[in-house]
Amino acid sequence: MFAQKYVPQIGIGTTLNYNAEATNMGYKSPLTLKVISLNDPMKFSWNIPALGTGSFLIPAKSLDSASKMIVRIPQSDQPLIYKDDESIMFISKNLLSKLIKDQAFTLNKTKFSVKPLETPYLINTKEADVIYVTSDNGKVKLWILNNPNFPLLVKMTGNPAGVDFDLASIKE
């Protein structure tokens, strides 16, 4: 019998603690995201020590159907406003469905395919239900929470935008 893997539920008040690295600058820092609202627009606050605090405003439609993930270094106290087809730190529900059905999907015009997960991905010391994908050229790697309500990116390496991240812990 298999033990069920951990799937944290993302909701108002959820706090996501990431380790982030600006690979083009060699700068490492904690990144804290907190879910403030899941209405339209969804609102996430962010905190990066030495950079400041601010918020992301993301259309609720993005959670359903975004086809792009945009990572920008935010300006302190200035909300970053996303378009209907853009997300940050998650893929859309449509892309997750396509990934599960086809074992592949396209994000930012880059095709990703499922690969075997070689070591369990742990969140809060529990084995999480994640799907591991790589770009066709093998340079970009994503670990996606298999949560149909909120397909959170828990880890990314090789990010063309120059910012890699890894979820250290979550407070549901």
Protein backbone atom coordinates (compact mmCIF):
# COMPACT_ATOMS: atom_id res chain seq x y z
CA MET A 1 0.00 0.00 0.00
CA PHE A 2 1.32 3.43 -0.95
CA ALA A 3 1.23 6.33 1.47
CA GLN A 4 -0.52 9.36 0.08
CA LYS A 5 1.85 12.17 -0.82
CA TYR A 6 1.53 15.64 0.70
CA VAL A 7 -0.43 18.21 -1.32
CA PRO A 8 -0.54 21.49 0.58
CA GLN A 9 -3.69 23.51 0.01
CA ILE A 10 -3.12 27.08 -1.13
CA GLY A 11 -5.58 29.61 0.25
CA ILE A 12 -5.88 33.03 1.84
CA GLY A 13 -3.15 33.38 4.45
CA THR A 14 -0.91 30.67 2.97
CA THR A 15 2.75 31.66 3.37
CA LEU A 16 5.32 30.29 0.94
CA ASN A 17 8.97 30.51 1.98
CA TYR A 18 11.36 30.16 -0.94
CA ASN A 19 15.11 30.31 -1.36
CA ALA A 20 15.73 32.44 -4.44
CA GLU A 21 18.89 33.02 -6.43
CA ALA A 22 19.51 35.69 -9.03
CA THR A 23 21.83 33.44 -11.04
CA ASN A 24 23.03 36.25 -13.28
CA MET A 25 24.19 38.24 -10.22
CA GLY A 26 25.13 35.42 -7.84
CA TYR A 27 22.74 36.89 -5.25
CA LYS A 28 20.86 34.51 -2.93
CA SER A 29 18.00 35.55 -0.68
CA PRO A 30 14.90 34.27 1.05
CA LEU A 31 11.65 35.13 -0.73
CA THR A 32 8.39 35.06 1.19
CA LEU A 33 5.06 35.09 -0.64
CA LYS A 34 1.75 35.32 1.18
CA VAL A 35 -1.70 34.83 -0.35
CA ILE A 36 -3.74 37.93 0.50
CA SER A 37 -6.70 37.36 -1.84
CA LEU A 38 -7.85 34.78 -4.38
CA ASN A 39 -10.57 37.08 -5.77
CA ASP A 40 -10.06 38.99 -9.02
CA PRO A 41 -7.34 40.14 -9.07
CA MET A 42 -5.56 37.63 -6.87
CA LYS A 43 -3.10 39.37 -4.57
CA PHE A 44 0.16 38.01 -3.21
CA SER A 45 2.46 40.00 -0.95
CA TRP A 46 6.20 39.46 -1.29
CA ASN A 47 9.14 40.14 0.97
CA ILE A 48 12.80 39.94 -0.03
CA PRO A 49 15.25 41.11 2.65
CA ALA A 50 17.48 43.93 1.36
CA LEU A 51 15.05 44.56 -1.54
CA GLY A 52 11.83 45.33 0.30
CA THR A 53 8.18 44.35 0.19
CA GLY A 54 5.38 44.69 -2.30
CA SER A 55 2.63 42.80 -4.05
CA PHE A 56 1.69 40.94 -7.20
CA LEU A 57 -1.78 41.48 -8.68
CA ILE A 58 -2.73 38.58 -10.93
CA PRO A 59 -6.05 38.19 -12.80
CA ALA A 60 -8.07 35.23 -11.48
CA LYS A 61 -8.30 34.09 -15.13
CA SER A 62 -4.52 33.45 -15.04
CA LEU A 63 -5.01 30.57 -12.61
CA ASP A 64 -7.34 28.93 -15.15
CA SER A 65 -5.59 29.59 -18.45
CA ALA A 66 -2.26 31.51 -18.33
CA SER A 67 0.27 30.30 -20.88
CA LYS A 68 3.21 32.44 -19.72
CA MET A 69 5.12 32.70 -16.48
CA ILE A 70 6.73 36.10 -16.03
CA VAL A 71 9.45 36.58 -13.41
CA ARG A 72 10.50 40.16 -12.86
CA ILE A 73 12.42 41.63 -9.96
CA PRO A 74 9.74 43.76 -8.32
CA GLN A 75 10.00 47.35 -7.18
CA SER A 76 9.45 47.82 -3.46
CA ASP A 77 5.97 49.17 -2.63
CA GLN A 78 4.90 49.14 -6.30
CA PRO A 79 2.45 46.37 -7.19
CA LEU A 80 3.40 44.29 -10.21
CA ILE A 81 0.28 43.89 -12.34
CA TYR A 82 -0.01 40.79 -14.51
CA LYS A 83 -2.04 40.23 -17.69
CA ASP A 84 -4.72 37.53 -18.16
CA ASP A 85 -2.26 35.14 -19.83
CA GLU A 86 0.56 35.63 -17.28
CA SER A 87 1.35 33.97 -13.97
CA ILE A 88 4.13 33.88 -11.44
CA MET A 89 5.11 30.89 -9.27
CA PHE A 90 2.32 28.70 -10.66
CA ILE A 91 1.12 27.21 -13.90
CA SER A 92 -2.51 27.40 -14.95
CA LYS A 93 -5.05 24.67 -14.28
CA ASN A 94 -5.32 24.19 -18.07
CA LEU A 95 -1.58 23.55 -18.36
CA LEU A 96 -1.67 21.09 -15.44
CA SER A 97 -4.53 19.19 -17.12
CA LYS A 98 -2.60 19.09 -20.39
CA LEU A 99 0.53 17.96 -18.55
CA ILE A 100 -1.31 15.09 -16.85
CA LYS A 101 -3.07 14.06 -20.08
CA ASP A 102 -0.16 14.44 -22.55
CA GLN A 103 2.87 14.23 -20.22
CA ALA A 104 3.95 17.54 -21.81
CA PHE A 105 2.91 21.19 -22.11
CA THR A 106 4.17 24.49 -23.50
CA LEU A 107 4.97 27.46 -21.26
CA ASN A 108 6.48 30.71 -22.61
CA LYS A 109 6.68 29.01 -26.03
CA THR A 110 8.96 26.35 -24.52
CA LYS A 111 7.91 22.70 -24.56
CA PHE A 112 8.30 20.77 -21.30
CA SER A 113 8.04 17.01 -20.84
CA VAL A 114 7.63 14.85 -17.76
CA LYS A 115 10.75 13.11 -16.48
CA PRO A 116 11.10 10.59 -13.65
CA LEU A 117 11.57 12.19 -10.25
CA GLU A 118 14.87 10.77 -9.03
CA THR A 119 14.57 11.86 -5.40
CA PRO A 120 11.40 12.69 -3.47
CA TYR A 121 10.61 16.41 -3.18
CA LEU A 122 10.04 17.33 0.45
CA ILE A 123 7.86 20.16 1.71
CA ASN A 124 7.79 20.61 5.50
CA THR A 125 9.70 17.29 5.77
CA LYS A 126 6.84 15.45 3.98
CA GLU A 127 7.10 13.84 0.55
CA ALA A 128 5.09 16.11 -1.74
CA ASP A 129 3.12 15.11 -4.83
CA VAL A 130 5.13 16.92 -7.49
CA ILE A 131 5.55 16.48 -11.22
CA TYR A 132 9.06 17.00 -12.57
CA VAL A 133 9.44 18.40 -16.08
CA THR A 134 12.33 19.63 -18.21
CA SER A 135 12.47 21.79 -21.31
CA ASP A 136 13.25 19.97 -24.55
CA ASN A 137 16.84 21.28 -24.44
CA GLY A 138 17.18 20.10 -20.81
CA LYS A 139 18.24 23.53 -19.53
CA VAL A 140 15.07 24.56 -17.66
CA LYS A 141 13.70 22.30 -14.92
CA LEU A 142 10.40 22.70 -13.05
CA TRP A 143 8.91 20.89 -10.08
CA ILE A 144 5.13 21.47 -10.04
CA LEU A 145 2.78 20.68 -7.16
CA ASN A 146 0.18 18.21 -8.43
CA ASN A 147 -2.68 20.28 -7.02
CA PRO A 148 -5.56 20.77 -9.49
CA ASN A 149 -6.80 23.80 -7.50
CA PHE A 150 -3.44 25.60 -7.47
CA PRO A 151 -0.52 24.08 -9.47
CA LEU A 152 2.26 25.83 -7.57
CA LEU A 153 5.83 25.86 -8.85
CA VAL A 154 7.86 24.57 -5.95
CA LYS A 155 11.22 24.68 -7.70
CA MET A 156 12.75 26.06 -10.87
CA THR A 157 16.31 25.85 -12.15
CA GLY A 158 17.75 27.22 -15.37
CA ASN A 159 15.20 30.04 -15.48
CA PRO A 160 15.92 32.15 -18.61
CA ALA A 161 14.86 35.22 -16.56
CA GLY A 162 17.86 34.57 -14.29
CA VAL A 163 15.98 33.81 -11.06
CA ASP A 164 15.90 30.25 -9.73
CA PHE A 165 13.91 29.28 -6.66
CA ASP A 166 13.19 26.39 -4.33
CA LEU A 167 10.33 26.15 -1.80
CA ALA A 168 11.81 25.76 1.68
CA SER A 169 8.55 25.58 3.66
CA ILE A 170 4.87 26.40 3.56
CA LYS A 171 2.39 27.51 6.18
CA GLU A 172 -1.12 26.58 5.07
